[in-house]
C-alpha cells in the first residue's frame, strides 16, 4: 500500500487525539511525563501543585490547569520547584472577565507562585503553562477580579 493511501485510510482514527485529563485531589509534584495534560483541581481542602524543575521539564513542556471545584476553605496554589528554580514563572497575562473596574489583569515578569483565590476563583478558571527551557510562560482566564493572583 502506498504511503498516501495508508495515511488516508487511517486519518479518521480519533483515539489518539483525545486530550489527557487528570483530576488532582491532593498536593502533587508534576513530572516531565505530565507534559500535555490538563489537570482539574478538585478538593474540599485545597492544595499546592508544584511544577517540575526547568531542567526536568525542558523545552516544549506544557500543561493546562483548570479549577473543577471552586476553592471554598483555602486557595489552590501552583508553584515553581523552589529547590531548583527562582522567579521563573513569567505571567504573560491573566484575562479577568469582570469589566467593572480599571484593573488590567495579572502580569508579572518573574514570580514563584500562582494562586486560585479562595472564595473568588470559580469552576472553569484556568491557566496554560509552557516551558522554553529557561522559564515557564503562563496565560489564563478568571471570571472575577482577583480570581487568580501571583507572588
N, C-alpha and C. Protein backbone atom coordinates (compact mmCIF):
# COMPACT_ATOMS: atom_id res chain seq x y z
N UNK A 1 0.85 -1.17 0.00
CA UNK A 1 0.00 0.00 0.00
C UNK A 1 0.90 1.23 0.00
N UNK A 2 0.59 2.18 -0.84
CA UNK A 2 1.36 3.42 -0.91
C UNK A 2 1.16 4.22 0.37
N UNK A 3 2.17 5.02 0.73
CA UNK A 3 2.14 5.80 1.96
C UNK A 3 0.90 6.70 2.02
N UNK A 4 0.59 7.40 0.95
CA UNK A 4 -0.56 8.32 0.95
C UNK A 4 -1.87 7.57 1.13
N UNK A 5 -1.99 6.37 0.56
CA UNK A 5 -3.20 5.58 0.73
C UNK A 5 -3.34 5.13 2.18
N UNK A 6 -2.22 4.74 2.80
CA UNK A 6 -2.25 4.32 4.20
C UNK A 6 -2.70 5.47 5.08
N UNK A 7 -2.12 6.66 4.86
CA UNK A 7 -2.48 7.82 5.67
C UNK A 7 -3.94 8.19 5.49
N UNK A 8 -4.43 8.16 4.27
CA UNK A 8 -5.82 8.49 4.02
C UNK A 8 -6.76 7.50 4.72
N UNK A 9 -6.43 6.22 4.65
CA UNK A 9 -7.24 5.18 5.27
C UNK A 9 -7.28 5.32 6.79
N UNK A 10 -6.18 5.75 7.39
CA UNK A 10 -6.09 5.81 8.84
C UNK A 10 -6.29 7.21 9.43
N UNK A 11 -6.58 8.18 8.62
CA UNK A 11 -6.70 9.55 9.13
C UNK A 11 -7.97 9.79 9.92
N UNK A 12 -8.95 8.91 9.84
CA UNK A 12 -10.20 9.12 10.58
C UNK A 12 -10.13 8.59 12.01
N UNK A 13 -9.03 7.97 12.36
CA UNK A 13 -8.88 7.45 13.71
C UNK A 13 -8.81 8.60 14.70
N UNK A 14 -9.63 8.55 15.76
CA UNK A 14 -9.65 9.65 16.73
C UNK A 14 -9.14 9.24 18.10
N UNK A 15 -8.86 7.97 18.31
CA UNK A 15 -8.47 7.50 19.64
C UNK A 15 -7.18 8.16 20.13
N UNK A 16 -6.28 8.52 19.26
CA UNK A 16 -5.02 9.10 19.70
C UNK A 16 -5.09 10.62 19.83
N UNK A 17 -6.23 11.22 19.52
CA UNK A 17 -6.35 12.67 19.55
C UNK A 17 -7.07 13.17 20.79
N UNK A 18 -7.38 12.30 21.71
CA UNK A 18 -8.03 12.73 22.94
C UNK A 18 -7.01 13.41 23.84
N UNK A 19 -7.46 14.43 24.55
CA UNK A 19 -6.58 15.11 25.49
C UNK A 19 -6.44 14.26 26.74
N UNK A 20 -5.28 14.37 27.37
CA UNK A 20 -5.02 13.64 28.61
C UNK A 20 -5.50 14.51 29.77
N UNK A 21 -6.51 14.04 30.48
CA UNK A 21 -7.10 14.80 31.58
C UNK A 21 -6.91 14.03 32.88
N UNK A 22 -6.44 14.73 33.91
CA UNK A 22 -6.22 14.11 35.20
C UNK A 22 -6.80 15.01 36.29
N UNK A 23 -7.54 14.41 37.21
CA UNK A 23 -8.10 15.15 38.33
C UNK A 23 -7.16 15.06 39.52
N UNK A 24 -6.82 16.22 40.09
CA UNK A 24 -5.99 16.26 41.28
C UNK A 24 -6.86 16.57 42.49
N UNK A 25 -6.68 15.79 43.56
CA UNK A 25 -7.46 15.99 44.79
C UNK A 25 -6.56 16.22 46.01
N UNK A 26 -5.26 16.26 45.78
CA UNK A 26 -4.29 16.47 46.86
C UNK A 26 -3.03 17.07 46.26
N UNK A 27 -2.13 17.51 47.12
CA UNK A 27 -0.86 18.09 46.67
C UNK A 27 -0.19 17.17 45.66
N UNK A 28 0.44 17.78 44.65
CA UNK A 28 1.04 16.98 43.58
C UNK A 28 2.31 17.65 43.06
N UNK A 29 3.36 16.87 42.88
CA UNK A 29 4.60 17.31 42.25
C UNK A 29 4.56 16.86 40.80
N UNK A 30 4.45 17.80 39.87
CA UNK A 30 4.37 17.45 38.45
C UNK A 30 5.69 16.87 37.97
N UNK A 31 5.58 16.03 36.95
CA UNK A 31 6.72 15.33 36.38
C UNK A 31 6.91 15.72 34.92
N UNK A 32 8.06 15.40 34.36
CA UNK A 32 8.30 15.64 32.93
C UNK A 32 7.24 14.91 32.11
N UNK A 33 6.84 13.73 32.54
CA UNK A 33 5.85 12.92 31.82
C UNK A 33 4.44 13.50 31.87
N UNK A 34 4.22 14.55 32.66
CA UNK A 34 2.90 15.20 32.72
C UNK A 34 2.69 16.20 31.60
N UNK A 35 3.70 16.41 30.78
CA UNK A 35 3.58 17.36 29.68
C UNK A 35 2.39 16.98 28.79
N UNK A 36 1.61 17.98 28.44
CA UNK A 36 0.46 17.78 27.57
C UNK A 36 -0.84 17.51 28.30
N UNK A 37 -0.80 17.37 29.60
CA UNK A 37 -2.02 17.05 30.36
C UNK A 37 -2.82 18.29 30.73
N UNK A 38 -4.10 18.06 30.92
CA UNK A 38 -5.00 19.04 31.53
C UNK A 38 -5.26 18.53 32.94
N UNK A 39 -4.96 19.36 33.93
CA UNK A 39 -5.17 19.00 35.32
C UNK A 39 -6.39 19.74 35.85
N UNK A 40 -7.33 18.99 36.43
CA UNK A 40 -8.51 19.58 37.07
C UNK A 40 -8.27 19.59 38.57
N UNK A 41 -8.39 20.77 39.19
CA UNK A 41 -8.22 20.90 40.64
C UNK A 41 -9.58 20.68 41.29
N UNK A 42 -9.67 19.66 42.16
CA UNK A 42 -10.97 19.30 42.72
C UNK A 42 -10.80 18.78 44.14
N UNK A 43 -10.99 19.66 45.13
CA UNK A 43 -10.85 19.22 46.51
C UNK A 43 -11.61 20.17 47.44
N UNK A 44 -12.13 19.63 48.52
CA UNK A 44 -12.77 20.45 49.55
C UNK A 44 -11.73 21.09 50.45
N UNK A 45 -10.52 20.55 50.46
CA UNK A 45 -9.41 21.11 51.24
C UNK A 45 -8.31 21.41 50.24
N UNK A 46 -8.28 22.62 49.73
CA UNK A 46 -7.41 22.99 48.63
C UNK A 46 -5.95 22.67 48.92
N UNK A 47 -5.09 22.70 47.90
CA UNK A 47 -3.74 22.16 48.00
C UNK A 47 -2.79 22.86 47.03
N UNK A 48 -1.52 22.48 47.14
CA UNK A 48 -0.48 23.04 46.27
C UNK A 48 -0.10 22.03 45.19
N UNK A 49 0.15 22.56 44.00
CA UNK A 49 0.68 21.79 42.88
C UNK A 49 2.02 22.41 42.52
N UNK A 50 3.05 21.58 42.41
CA UNK A 50 4.40 22.08 42.13
C UNK A 50 4.82 21.67 40.73
N UNK A 51 5.31 22.64 39.97
CA UNK A 51 5.79 22.37 38.62
C UNK A 51 7.10 21.59 38.68
N UNK A 52 7.44 20.88 37.61
CA UNK A 52 8.76 20.24 37.59
C UNK A 52 9.83 21.33 37.51
N UNK A 53 11.06 21.00 37.83
CA UNK A 53 12.14 21.98 37.66
C UNK A 53 12.28 22.28 36.16
N UNK A 54 12.86 23.41 35.85
CA UNK A 54 13.10 23.74 34.44
C UNK A 54 13.94 22.66 33.77
N UNK A 55 14.95 22.17 34.48
CA UNK A 55 15.83 21.14 33.93
C UNK A 55 15.07 19.86 33.60
N UNK A 56 14.13 19.49 34.47
CA UNK A 56 13.34 18.28 34.23
C UNK A 56 12.29 18.50 33.15
N UNK A 57 11.67 19.68 33.15
CA UNK A 57 10.61 19.97 32.17
C UNK A 57 11.20 20.05 30.77
N UNK A 58 12.18 20.89 30.59
CA UNK A 58 12.81 21.07 29.28
C UNK A 58 11.95 21.84 28.30
N UNK A 59 12.54 22.15 27.17
CA UNK A 59 11.87 22.93 26.13
C UNK A 59 10.65 22.17 25.62
N UNK A 60 9.53 22.86 25.56
CA UNK A 60 8.31 22.29 24.99
C UNK A 60 7.35 21.69 26.00
N UNK A 61 7.75 21.56 27.26
CA UNK A 61 6.84 21.02 28.29
C UNK A 61 5.66 21.98 28.43
N UNK A 62 4.46 21.43 28.57
CA UNK A 62 3.28 22.29 28.75
C UNK A 62 2.17 21.54 29.47
N UNK A 63 1.26 22.32 30.08
CA UNK A 63 0.06 21.75 30.68
C UNK A 63 -0.98 22.86 30.83
N UNK A 64 -2.17 22.45 31.17
CA UNK A 64 -3.26 23.37 31.48
C UNK A 64 -3.79 22.98 32.85
N UNK A 65 -4.10 23.97 33.67
CA UNK A 65 -4.66 23.72 35.00
C UNK A 65 -5.98 24.44 35.09
N UNK A 66 -7.03 23.68 35.44
CA UNK A 66 -8.40 24.21 35.45
C UNK A 66 -9.02 23.97 36.82
N UNK A 67 -9.70 24.98 37.34
CA UNK A 67 -10.45 24.81 38.58
C UNK A 67 -11.69 23.98 38.26
N UNK A 68 -11.83 22.83 38.91
CA UNK A 68 -13.01 21.98 38.75
C UNK A 68 -13.97 22.20 39.91
N UNK A 69 -13.45 22.29 41.13
CA UNK A 69 -14.26 22.63 42.31
C UNK A 69 -13.71 23.95 42.84
N UNK A 70 -14.56 24.96 42.87
CA UNK A 70 -14.13 26.28 43.32
C UNK A 70 -13.57 26.21 44.73
N UNK A 71 -12.44 26.88 44.98
CA UNK A 71 -11.87 26.85 46.33
C UNK A 71 -12.80 27.53 47.33
N UNK A 72 -13.04 26.85 48.46
CA UNK A 72 -14.01 27.36 49.42
C UNK A 72 -13.45 27.52 50.83
N UNK A 73 -12.42 26.77 51.18
CA UNK A 73 -11.89 26.88 52.54
C UNK A 73 -10.42 27.29 52.55
N UNK A 74 -9.78 27.30 51.42
CA UNK A 74 -8.39 27.72 51.25
C UNK A 74 -8.17 27.91 49.76
N UNK A 75 -7.00 28.34 49.35
CA UNK A 75 -6.71 28.60 47.94
C UNK A 75 -5.88 27.48 47.33
N UNK A 76 -6.10 27.22 46.04
CA UNK A 76 -5.21 26.34 45.30
C UNK A 76 -3.97 27.16 44.93
N UNK A 77 -2.80 26.56 44.99
CA UNK A 77 -1.59 27.25 44.53
C UNK A 77 -0.84 26.37 43.54
N UNK A 78 -0.17 27.03 42.61
CA UNK A 78 0.72 26.38 41.65
C UNK A 78 2.06 27.09 41.81
N UNK A 79 3.10 26.33 42.10
CA UNK A 79 4.40 26.94 42.40
C UNK A 79 5.52 26.30 41.61
N UNK A 80 6.58 27.10 41.41
CA UNK A 80 7.79 26.54 40.83
C UNK A 80 8.45 25.62 41.85
N UNK A 81 9.35 24.78 41.38
CA UNK A 81 10.06 23.88 42.29
C UNK A 81 11.16 24.70 42.98
N UNK A 82 10.89 25.12 44.21
CA UNK A 82 11.74 26.08 44.92
C UNK A 82 13.16 25.60 45.12
N UNK A 83 13.36 24.30 45.25
CA UNK A 83 14.71 23.79 45.48
C UNK A 83 15.58 23.90 44.23
N UNK A 84 14.95 24.16 43.07
CA UNK A 84 15.72 24.20 41.83
C UNK A 84 15.63 25.53 41.09
N UNK A 85 14.53 26.26 41.25
CA UNK A 85 14.27 27.44 40.43
C UNK A 85 13.82 28.62 41.30
N UNK A 86 14.06 29.85 40.80
CA UNK A 86 13.61 31.05 41.50
C UNK A 86 13.08 32.07 40.49
N UNK A 87 11.86 32.50 40.69
CA UNK A 87 11.22 33.52 39.85
C UNK A 87 11.24 33.17 38.37
N UNK A 88 10.89 31.94 38.04
CA UNK A 88 10.90 31.51 36.64
C UNK A 88 9.51 31.48 36.01
N UNK A 89 8.49 31.89 36.76
CA UNK A 89 7.14 31.97 36.20
C UNK A 89 6.95 33.35 35.59
N UNK A 90 6.80 33.41 34.28
CA UNK A 90 6.54 34.66 33.58
C UNK A 90 5.04 34.69 33.26
N UNK A 91 4.33 35.61 33.90
CA UNK A 91 2.89 35.69 33.70
C UNK A 91 2.64 36.66 32.56
N UNK A 92 2.31 36.13 31.41
CA UNK A 92 2.09 36.94 30.22
C UNK A 92 0.79 37.72 30.31
N UNK A 93 -0.17 37.19 31.01
CA UNK A 93 -1.44 37.87 31.18
C UNK A 93 -2.52 36.90 31.59
N UNK A 94 -3.28 37.29 32.60
CA UNK A 94 -4.46 36.54 33.02
C UNK A 94 -5.66 37.43 32.71
N UNK A 95 -6.48 37.03 31.77
CA UNK A 95 -7.68 37.80 31.45
C UNK A 95 -8.68 37.69 32.59
N UNK A 96 -9.22 38.81 33.00
CA UNK A 96 -10.28 38.82 34.00
C UNK A 96 -11.55 39.26 33.30
N UNK A 97 -12.57 38.40 33.30
CA UNK A 97 -13.78 38.67 32.55
C UNK A 97 -14.65 39.76 33.16
N UNK A 98 -14.49 40.01 34.45
CA UNK A 98 -15.26 41.07 35.09
C UNK A 98 -14.75 42.41 34.55
N UNK A 99 -15.65 43.28 34.14
CA UNK A 99 -15.23 44.52 33.49
C UNK A 99 -15.67 45.77 34.25
N UNK A 100 -15.99 45.65 35.53
CA UNK A 100 -16.48 46.82 36.26
C UNK A 100 -15.40 47.61 36.96
N UNK A 101 -14.12 47.31 36.72
CA UNK A 101 -13.03 48.07 37.33
C UNK A 101 -12.02 48.44 36.26
N UNK A 102 -11.03 49.21 36.64
CA UNK A 102 -9.98 49.61 35.72
C UNK A 102 -8.81 48.63 35.73
N UNK A 103 -8.92 47.54 36.46
CA UNK A 103 -7.84 46.56 36.52
C UNK A 103 -7.56 45.97 35.14
N UNK A 104 -6.29 45.73 34.86
CA UNK A 104 -5.89 45.20 33.56
C UNK A 104 -5.61 43.71 33.56
N UNK A 105 -5.81 43.04 34.66
CA UNK A 105 -5.49 41.63 34.74
C UNK A 105 -4.09 41.43 35.29
N UNK A 106 -3.75 40.19 35.52
CA UNK A 106 -2.50 39.84 36.20
C UNK A 106 -1.35 39.75 35.21
N UNK A 107 -0.21 40.37 35.56
CA UNK A 107 1.03 40.28 34.79
C UNK A 107 2.18 40.28 35.78
N UNK A 108 3.23 39.51 35.47
CA UNK A 108 4.43 39.52 36.31
C UNK A 108 5.60 39.00 35.49
N UNK A 109 6.73 39.69 35.53
CA UNK A 109 7.90 39.31 34.75
C UNK A 109 8.78 38.26 35.42
N UNK A 110 8.38 37.78 36.59
CA UNK A 110 9.14 36.74 37.27
C UNK A 110 8.62 36.53 38.68
N UNK A 111 7.89 35.46 38.89
CA UNK A 111 7.33 35.18 40.22
C UNK A 111 7.48 33.70 40.53
N UNK A 112 7.03 33.31 41.72
CA UNK A 112 7.21 31.93 42.17
C UNK A 112 5.91 31.16 42.33
N UNK A 113 4.77 31.87 42.53
CA UNK A 113 3.52 31.21 42.90
C UNK A 113 2.33 31.84 42.19
N UNK A 114 1.42 30.98 41.77
CA UNK A 114 0.13 31.39 41.20
C UNK A 114 -0.95 30.87 42.14
N UNK A 115 -1.92 31.71 42.46
CA UNK A 115 -2.96 31.33 43.40
C UNK A 115 -4.34 31.46 42.77
N UNK A 116 -5.14 30.39 42.89
CA UNK A 116 -6.57 30.45 42.57
C UNK A 116 -7.25 30.78 43.90
N UNK A 117 -7.77 31.99 44.04
CA UNK A 117 -8.17 32.53 45.33
C UNK A 117 -9.43 31.92 45.92
N UNK A 118 -9.32 31.59 47.19
CA UNK A 118 -10.43 31.09 48.00
C UNK A 118 -11.60 32.07 47.95
N UNK A 119 -12.78 31.60 47.61
CA UNK A 119 -13.97 32.43 47.61
C UNK A 119 -14.10 33.36 46.41
N UNK A 120 -13.12 33.35 45.50
CA UNK A 120 -13.15 34.24 44.34
C UNK A 120 -13.07 33.42 43.04
N UNK A 121 -12.10 32.52 42.94
CA UNK A 121 -11.96 31.68 41.75
C UNK A 121 -13.19 30.78 41.62
N UNK A 122 -13.57 30.49 40.39
CA UNK A 122 -14.75 29.66 40.14
C UNK A 122 -14.41 28.52 39.18
N UNK A 123 -15.30 27.57 39.12
CA UNK A 123 -15.13 26.44 38.21
C UNK A 123 -14.93 26.97 36.79
N UNK A 124 -13.89 26.49 36.14
CA UNK A 124 -13.58 26.89 34.77
C UNK A 124 -12.44 27.89 34.66
N UNK A 125 -12.08 28.58 35.75
CA UNK A 125 -10.90 29.45 35.70
C UNK A 125 -9.71 28.56 35.35
N UNK A 126 -8.76 29.09 34.56
CA UNK A 126 -7.66 28.23 34.12
C UNK A 126 -6.38 29.02 33.85
N UNK A 127 -5.28 28.26 33.80
CA UNK A 127 -4.00 28.77 33.32
C UNK A 127 -3.39 27.76 32.35
N UNK A 128 -2.72 28.27 31.34
CA UNK A 128 -1.92 27.46 30.42
C UNK A 128 -0.46 27.76 30.72
N UNK A 129 0.35 26.72 30.80
CA UNK A 129 1.77 26.87 31.15
C UNK A 129 2.61 26.15 30.10
N UNK A 130 3.66 26.80 29.62
CA UNK A 130 4.61 26.13 28.72
C UNK A 130 6.02 26.58 29.06
N UNK A 131 6.98 25.76 28.72
CA UNK A 131 8.38 25.98 29.10
C UNK A 131 9.26 26.14 27.87
N UNK A 132 10.16 27.13 27.93
CA UNK A 132 11.15 27.30 26.86
C UNK A 132 12.54 26.82 27.28
N UNK A 133 12.61 26.16 28.44
CA UNK A 133 13.88 25.68 28.96
C UNK A 133 14.51 26.64 29.95
N UNK A 134 14.11 27.91 29.91
CA UNK A 134 14.64 28.92 30.82
C UNK A 134 13.58 29.49 31.76
N UNK A 135 12.32 29.46 31.32
CA UNK A 135 11.20 29.99 32.10
C UNK A 135 9.94 29.20 31.79
N UNK A 136 8.96 29.33 32.68
CA UNK A 136 7.61 28.86 32.41
C UNK A 136 6.79 30.09 32.05
N UNK A 137 6.10 30.05 30.93
CA UNK A 137 5.23 31.15 30.49
C UNK A 137 3.79 30.77 30.80
N UNK A 138 3.06 31.72 31.38
CA UNK A 138 1.71 31.44 31.86
C UNK A 138 0.74 32.47 31.31
N UNK A 139 -0.40 32.00 30.83
CA UNK A 139 -1.52 32.86 30.48
C UNK A 139 -2.77 32.14 30.96
N UNK A 140 -3.86 32.85 31.04
CA UNK A 140 -5.07 32.19 31.52
C UNK A 140 -6.26 33.12 31.58
N UNK A 141 -7.27 32.66 32.32
CA UNK A 141 -8.51 33.42 32.41
C UNK A 141 -9.22 33.15 33.72
N UNK A 142 -9.74 34.22 34.30
CA UNK A 142 -10.53 34.12 35.53
C UNK A 142 -11.84 34.87 35.33
N UNK A 143 -12.88 34.39 35.94
CA UNK A 143 -14.19 35.03 35.83
C UNK A 143 -14.21 36.36 36.58
N UNK A 144 -13.58 36.42 37.76
CA UNK A 144 -13.69 37.60 38.61
C UNK A 144 -12.34 38.25 38.86
N UNK A 145 -12.38 39.55 39.16
CA UNK A 145 -11.18 40.25 39.59
C UNK A 145 -10.59 39.54 40.78
N UNK A 146 -9.31 39.24 40.75
CA UNK A 146 -8.66 38.61 41.88
C UNK A 146 -8.85 37.10 41.95
N UNK A 147 -9.50 36.50 40.96
CA UNK A 147 -9.68 35.06 40.95
C UNK A 147 -8.36 34.32 40.87
N UNK A 148 -7.41 34.91 40.15
CA UNK A 148 -6.06 34.37 40.04
C UNK A 148 -5.10 35.50 40.40
N UNK A 149 -4.16 35.21 41.29
CA UNK A 149 -3.14 36.19 41.65
C UNK A 149 -1.78 35.53 41.61
N UNK A 150 -0.71 36.36 41.64
CA UNK A 150 0.65 35.85 41.60
C UNK A 150 1.52 36.53 42.64
N UNK A 151 2.57 35.84 43.05
CA UNK A 151 3.51 36.42 44.01
C UNK A 151 4.90 35.87 43.74
